[in-house]
Amino acid sequence: MQTFEVQGMSCGHCVKAVTRALQAQDAGAVVEVDLASARVSVTSRLSTEQIVAAISEEGYGVKAL
């Protein structure tokens, strides 16, 4: 599991956008989003760089923790 700080998420639509972006690249990805702490935990075959790129493409600031 990898954890990321994602800036700019504020609602359920944001959660869906991030989840869909990751699952589009890895259908088996498990994505857990905590809006209150701006954290996204991902279990996936994707590399850290691929995850960061997918979230960034949705318009969010992201960094690995």
Protein backbone atom coordinates (compact mmCIF):
# COMPACT_ATOMS: atom_id res chain seq x y z
CA MET A 1 0.00 0.00 0.00
CA GLN A 2 1.23 3.45 -0.91
CA THR A 3 -0.03 6.68 0.68
CA PHE A 4 -0.22 10.10 -0.93
CA GLU A 5 -1.15 13.60 0.15
CA VAL A 6 -3.59 14.99 -2.41
CA GLN A 7 -4.47 18.70 -2.36
CA GLY A 8 -7.71 20.04 -3.79
CA MET A 9 -10.11 17.20 -3.00
CA SER A 10 -13.26 18.47 -1.33
CA CYS A 11 -16.21 16.20 -2.14
CA GLY A 12 -17.48 12.83 -3.29
CA HIS A 13 -16.95 13.80 -6.93
CA CYS A 14 -13.26 14.33 -6.19
CA VAL A 15 -13.05 10.89 -4.57
CA LYS A 16 -14.69 9.30 -7.62
CA ALA A 17 -12.42 11.17 -10.04
CA VAL A 18 -9.25 10.02 -8.28
CA THR A 19 -10.54 6.45 -7.89
CA ARG A 20 -11.60 6.22 -11.55
CA ALA A 21 -8.31 7.64 -12.79
CA LEU A 22 -6.35 4.98 -10.91
CA GLN A 23 -8.68 2.11 -11.74
CA ALA A 24 -8.57 3.07 -15.43
CA GLN A 25 -4.88 2.13 -15.36
CA ASP A 26 -5.19 -0.79 -12.94
CA ALA A 27 -8.70 -2.25 -12.72
CA GLY A 28 -7.73 -4.13 -9.55
CA ALA A 29 -6.47 -1.07 -7.70
CA VAL A 30 -7.88 -0.57 -4.22
CA VAL A 31 -8.21 3.14 -3.47
CA GLU A 32 -9.05 4.53 -0.02
CA VAL A 33 -9.62 8.28 0.27
CA ASP A 34 -9.77 10.29 3.50
CA LEU A 35 -10.99 13.77 2.58
CA ALA A 36 -10.44 15.14 6.10
CA SER A 37 -6.71 14.40 6.05
CA ALA A 38 -6.29 14.79 2.25
CA ARG A 39 -4.75 11.30 2.09
CA VAL A 40 -5.17 8.65 -0.55
CA SER A 41 -4.00 5.09 0.10
CA VAL A 42 -3.53 2.89 -2.94
CA THR A 43 -2.88 -0.82 -3.30
CA SER A 44 -1.96 -1.35 -6.93
CA ARG A 45 0.53 -2.79 -9.39
CA LEU A 46 1.17 0.80 -10.57
CA SER A 47 4.44 2.48 -9.66
CA THR A 48 4.52 5.54 -7.43
CA GLU A 49 5.26 7.68 -10.48
CA GLN A 50 2.27 6.25 -12.38
CA ILE A 51 -0.05 6.93 -9.46
CA VAL A 52 1.21 10.49 -9.06
CA ALA A 53 0.77 11.10 -12.81
CA ALA A 54 -2.78 9.71 -12.85
CA ILE A 55 -3.88 11.87 -9.91
CA SER A 56 -2.09 14.95 -11.28
CA GLU A 57 -3.87 14.53 -14.61
CA GLU A 58 -7.16 14.93 -12.74
CA GLY A 59 -5.98 18.38 -11.60
CA TYR A 60 -4.92 17.65 -8.03
CA GLY A 61 -1.63 18.40 -6.31
CA VAL A 62 -0.10 15.14 -5.14
CA LYS A 63 3.00 13.92 -3.35
CA ALA A 64 4.02 10.53 -2.04
CA LEU A 65 4.36 10.14 1.72
